[in-house]
Protein backbone atom coordinates (compact mmCIF):
# COMPACT_ATOMS: atom_id res chain seq x y z
CA MET A 1 43.11 79.32 72.36
CA PRO A 2 43.44 75.69 73.81
CA SER A 3 46.60 73.43 73.31
CA LEU A 4 45.54 71.96 70.37
CA THR A 5 47.94 68.93 67.85
CA PRO A 6 47.80 69.74 63.63
CA PHE A 7 47.70 66.88 61.49
CA PHE A 8 51.12 66.43 60.01
CA ARG A 9 53.28 64.31 56.99
CA GLU A 10 56.39 63.02 57.07
CA ALA A 11 59.93 61.89 55.25
CA GLY A 12 63.83 61.78 55.25
CA ALA A 13 65.64 62.82 56.79
CA GLY A 14 68.46 65.72 57.75
CA PRO A 15 68.00 69.60 57.80
CA GLY A 16 64.07 70.25 58.83
CA VAL A 17 62.06 71.64 56.17
CA VAL A 18 57.81 72.43 57.02
CA CYS A 19 55.77 73.53 54.59
CA LEU A 20 52.64 74.93 54.14
CA HIS A 21 49.45 74.82 52.32
CA ALA A 22 46.96 77.24 50.67
CA ASN A 23 43.40 77.57 51.55
CA ALA A 24 41.43 75.08 50.30
CA SER A 25 43.81 72.92 50.34
CA SER A 26 45.60 70.44 52.36
CA SER A 27 49.56 69.40 53.73
CA ASN A 28 49.10 66.92 50.37
CA GLN A 29 49.84 69.37 48.14
CA TRP A 30 53.24 68.98 49.34
CA ARG A 31 53.62 65.46 48.45
CA LEU A 32 55.39 65.63 45.14
CA LEU A 33 57.57 67.97 47.15
CA MET A 34 57.98 66.11 50.06
CA GLU A 35 59.67 62.78 48.20
CA ALA A 36 61.97 65.26 46.26
CA LEU A 37 63.26 66.69 49.43
CA ALA A 38 63.30 63.19 51.94
CA PRO A 39 66.65 62.23 50.26
CA SER A 40 68.50 65.55 52.00
CA PHE A 41 65.90 66.87 54.46
CA HIS A 42 63.60 66.23 57.01
CA VAL A 43 60.61 67.67 55.62
CA LEU A 44 56.82 68.06 57.70
CA ALA A 45 53.85 69.12 56.13
CA ALA A 46 51.00 70.19 58.08
CA ASP A 47 47.28 70.75 58.23
CA SER A 48 46.27 74.51 59.22
CA TYR A 49 43.35 75.16 60.81
CA GLY A 50 40.15 73.47 59.01
CA ALA A 51 42.03 71.28 56.28
CA GLY A 52 42.50 68.17 56.03
CA LYS A 53 43.01 66.41 59.49
CA SER A 54 43.92 69.03 61.53
CA PRO A 55 41.61 70.23 64.60
CA ALA A 56 37.98 72.45 63.32
CA TRP A 57 38.35 75.95 62.57
CA PRO A 58 36.71 77.63 65.96
CA THR A 59 33.63 78.73 66.09
CA ASN A 60 33.87 80.18 69.26
CA GLN A 61 36.86 83.09 68.54
CA PRO A 62 38.31 84.48 65.56
CA VAL A 63 41.79 82.57 64.39
CA ARG A 64 44.04 84.68 63.58
CA LEU A 65 47.44 84.28 62.08
CA GLN A 66 49.15 83.86 65.57
CA ASP A 67 46.91 81.16 66.45
CA GLU A 68 48.19 79.25 63.31
CA VAL A 69 51.75 79.53 64.20
CA ALA A 70 51.07 78.41 68.10
CA LEU A 71 48.93 75.53 66.27
CA LEU A 72 52.13 74.74 64.51
CA GLU A 73 54.15 74.72 67.68
CA PRO A 74 54.25 70.59 67.60
CA VAL A 75 55.67 70.66 63.65
CA PHE A 76 58.58 73.20 64.56
CA ALA A 77 59.39 71.43 67.51
CA ARG A 78 59.95 68.34 65.25
CA ALA A 79 61.50 70.14 63.01
CA GLY A 80 64.59 70.96 64.95
CA ASP A 81 65.89 75.09 65.11
CA PRO A 82 66.58 76.44 63.17
CA PHE A 83 64.32 74.79 60.25
CA SER A 84 63.52 76.15 57.09
CA VAL A 85 59.39 76.91 55.53
CA VAL A 86 58.25 76.19 52.06
CA ALA A 87 54.88 78.34 52.20
CA HIS A 88 51.92 79.07 49.66
CA SER A 89 49.49 81.54 50.01
CA TYR A 90 47.65 81.34 53.28
CA GLY A 91 49.99 79.63 55.05
CA ALA A 92 53.23 81.86 53.09
CA ALA A 93 51.50 84.72 55.37
CA VAL A 94 51.69 82.22 58.30
CA ALA A 95 55.29 81.66 57.71
CA LEU A 96 55.94 85.57 57.71
CA VAL A 97 54.48 86.13 60.83
CA ALA A 98 55.86 83.32 62.46
CA ALA A 99 59.44 84.36 60.94
CA VAL A 100 58.27 87.78 63.14
CA SER A 101 57.80 86.59 66.10
CA GLN A 102 60.14 83.49 66.13
CA PRO A 103 63.14 85.07 64.04
CA HIS A 104 65.42 82.74 65.79
CA ARG A 105 63.85 79.35 64.50
CA ILE A 106 63.72 80.24 60.79
CA ARG A 107 66.84 79.54 58.77
CA ARG A 108 65.30 80.14 54.83
CA LEU A 109 62.20 80.99 53.83
CA ALA A 110 60.42 80.07 50.49
CA LEU A 111 57.05 81.83 50.07
CA TYR A 112 55.06 81.54 46.61
CA GLU A 113 52.40 85.29 46.93
CA PRO A 114 51.92 85.11 50.60
CA THR A 115 48.16 86.89 51.03
CA LEU A 116 48.80 89.06 54.07
CA PHE A 117 46.16 92.00 52.63
CA SER A 118 46.56 93.68 55.64
CA LEU A 119 49.87 95.22 53.85
CA LEU A 120 47.65 96.57 51.47
CA ASP A 121 44.73 98.08 53.48
CA ALA A 122 47.60 99.73 55.60
CA GLU A 123 49.16 101.12 53.15
CA SER A 124 45.41 103.35 51.65
CA LEU A 125 42.26 102.08 52.68
CA PRO A 126 40.33 100.57 50.04
CA PRO A 127 39.61 101.06 46.73
CA ASN A 128 43.09 99.62 46.64
CA GLU A 129 44.80 96.26 45.36
CA ALA A 130 42.71 94.08 48.11
CA ASP A 131 39.71 94.69 46.26
CA GLY A 132 39.19 91.69 44.01
CA ILE A 133 39.76 89.20 46.31
CA ARG A 134 37.60 91.22 49.10
CA CYS A 135 34.84 91.02 46.58
CA ALA A 136 35.26 87.69 46.13
CA VAL A 137 34.53 86.72 49.20
CA ALA A 138 31.91 89.32 49.96
CA ASP A 139 30.19 86.94 46.78
CA ALA A 140 31.56 83.64 48.64
CA ALA A 141 29.98 84.51 52.06
CA ALA A 142 26.41 85.26 50.41
CA ALA A 143 26.49 81.46 48.33
CA LEU A 144 27.23 80.14 51.88
CA GLU A 145 24.37 82.08 53.44
CA ALA A 146 22.17 80.90 50.47
CA ASP A 147 23.22 77.69 51.34
CA ASP A 148 25.24 77.08 48.17
CA PRO A 149 28.78 75.92 49.29
CA ALA A 150 29.80 75.00 45.60
CA GLY A 151 28.81 78.23 44.87
CA ALA A 152 30.68 79.62 47.19
CA ALA A 153 33.81 77.30 46.26
CA GLU A 154 33.39 78.71 42.68
CA CYS A 155 33.55 82.19 43.44
CA PHE A 156 36.80 81.91 45.64
CA ILE A 157 38.44 78.99 43.19
CA ASP A 158 37.14 81.15 40.21
CA PHE A 159 38.42 84.15 41.73
CA TRP A 160 42.87 82.57 41.95
CA MET A 161 42.52 80.57 39.42
CA GLY A 162 40.43 82.29 36.25
CA GLN A 163 36.62 81.96 34.85
CA GLY A 164 35.75 78.49 34.66
CA ALA A 165 38.38 77.01 36.84
CA TRP A 166 35.53 75.24 39.30
CA ALA A 167 33.59 73.93 36.16
CA ARG A 168 36.92 72.13 35.31
CA THR A 169 37.89 70.98 39.02
CA PRO A 170 37.54 67.01 39.03
CA GLU A 171 34.57 66.03 41.16
CA PRO A 172 35.86 63.72 43.72
CA ARG A 173 38.36 67.23 44.21
CA LYS A 174 34.94 69.96 44.62
CA GLY A 175 33.41 67.95 47.54
CA PRO A 176 36.56 68.32 50.40
CA ILE A 177 37.06 71.90 48.48
CA ALA A 178 33.70 73.15 49.25
CA ALA A 179 33.85 71.56 52.79
CA SER A 180 36.79 73.86 53.62
CA VAL A 181 35.23 77.24 51.75
CA ALA A 182 32.97 77.44 54.64
CA ASN A 183 35.73 79.30 56.46
CA VAL A 184 36.38 82.24 53.83
CA ARG A 185 35.29 84.77 56.25
CA GLY A 186 37.45 83.43 59.10
CA TRP A 187 40.58 83.40 56.57
CA ALA A 188 39.92 86.79 55.47
CA GLU A 189 39.45 87.94 58.65
CA ALA A 190 43.19 86.74 59.59
CA LEU A 191 44.37 87.94 56.50
CA PHE A 192 42.56 91.59 56.67
CA CYS A 193 42.94 92.53 60.34
CA GLU A 194 46.36 91.05 60.52
CA PRO A 195 48.41 93.29 63.03
CA THR A 196 52.37 92.66 61.44
CA THR A 197 53.28 95.99 59.98
CA LEU A 198 54.96 95.90 57.14
CA ALA A 199 58.31 97.82 58.84
CA ALA A 200 58.23 94.46 61.17
CA PHE A 201 59.49 92.34 57.81
CA SER A 202 62.23 94.05 57.44
CA ARG A 203 63.23 92.03 60.44
CA VAL A 204 62.96 88.91 58.60
CA ASN A 205 66.88 89.19 58.22
CA VAL A 206 67.06 85.15 56.30
CA PRO A 207 67.27 84.24 52.99
CA VAL A 208 63.83 84.66 51.13
CA LEU A 209 62.66 82.99 48.29
CA TYR A 210 60.08 85.43 47.03
CA MET A 211 57.82 83.46 43.92
CA THR A 212 55.19 84.64 42.03
CA GLY A 213 53.26 83.54 38.65
CA LYS A 214 52.82 86.36 36.22
CA ASN A 215 49.12 85.58 35.57
CA SER A 216 47.77 85.86 39.14
CA PRO A 217 45.67 88.97 40.75
CA VAL A 218 46.12 91.93 41.58
CA SER A 219 45.35 91.31 45.22
CA SER A 220 48.29 89.18 45.77
CA ARG A 221 50.51 90.68 42.86
CA GLY A 222 50.58 94.41 45.17
CA VAL A 223 51.41 92.56 48.46
CA GLY A 224 54.20 90.86 46.46
CA ARG A 225 54.75 94.58 45.57
CA LEU A 226 55.37 95.48 49.15
CA LEU A 227 57.14 92.75 50.60
CA THR A 228 59.54 92.37 48.02
CA HIS A 229 60.57 96.46 48.67
CA THR A 230 61.09 94.98 52.44
CA LEU A 231 62.21 91.68 52.78
CA PRO A 232 66.16 92.22 53.41
CA GLN A 233 67.74 89.37 52.06
CA LEU A 234 65.27 88.20 49.20
CA GLN A 235 65.46 86.68 45.87
CA VAL A 236 62.25 87.11 43.66
CA VAL A 237 61.09 84.34 41.00
CA GLU A 238 58.39 85.49 38.66
CA PHE A 239 56.98 83.08 36.20
CA GLU A 240 55.71 83.55 33.47
CA GLY A 241 52.77 81.83 32.55
CA LEU A 242 51.33 80.73 36.04
CA GLY A 243 48.77 82.54 38.53
CA HIS A 244 48.11 81.93 42.57
CA MET A 245 48.31 78.31 41.99
CA GLY A 246 51.24 77.81 40.48
CA PRO A 247 52.12 75.38 42.68
CA ILE A 248 49.04 73.31 42.20
CA THR A 249 48.78 73.70 39.27
CA HIS A 250 52.51 73.40 38.03
CA PRO A 251 54.52 71.32 40.70
CA GLN A 252 57.52 70.56 39.03
CA ILE A 253 58.57 73.98 37.81
CA VAL A 254 58.06 75.49 41.49
CA ASN A 255 59.38 73.00 43.11
CA GLU A 256 62.51 72.48 41.40
CA THR A 257 63.17 76.40 41.85
CA ILE A 258 62.15 75.67 46.05
CA ALA A 259 64.80 72.53 45.46
CA ARG A 260 67.36 74.36 44.21
CA PHE A 261 67.04 77.13 46.35
CA LEU A 262 66.92 74.60 49.64
CA GLY A 263 69.88 72.99 48.67
CA ARG A 264 71.93 76.60 48.89
CA GLY A 265 71.96 76.33 52.40
């Protein structure tokens, strides 16, 4: 990958905290958390490839999670070693890959449902717990082939947030989400083809807050089943009544839990 610079938001002073967002989202999802942490931390929230104001999703080659880590290097450097990472979904998968490849840089990890579906396929060939997201991606890709970006977004959003979630999405938000879901096949390839093994995460020997929603899909909960039996320094929090998009639908509850965890460091 050529050397590129991601867009990032920045606030506060103190120990560094890097925030990584979910797919079909951007660094803006962490705005309230940044405000809460800024009095005590130097907080940076970055846009991943194809999100917000960062470089477009590359079309000339596959993107791997390690490419996302490389894109974030200027943000990591500005955060200062060691820094903590707060991350959700795809961003949490990126955070774990960064923690494996650059363990000396990470102070602690606050993760909400990393989507490392490669771990489920490595455990057992399909059919398996990843089939739900695999089908949702296939349906979204078919909608894109039919030149129906809104239909693709509906497949993706309704899988993660429940039937009818797309229809309830405010109209001003639909355009940016539909535009980002054009990358859905690339996201899936990065997550399903990630080569890092489950055993490698046993070497992530830093405090980890692993958050999950009780109402989340089987696919993300299956990844959690594997990682929560592997990560060595682990605190698990399951939120009653929340789903995979908890950091966006219920930010106050999730952010308070994150702030308490970071405050222990």
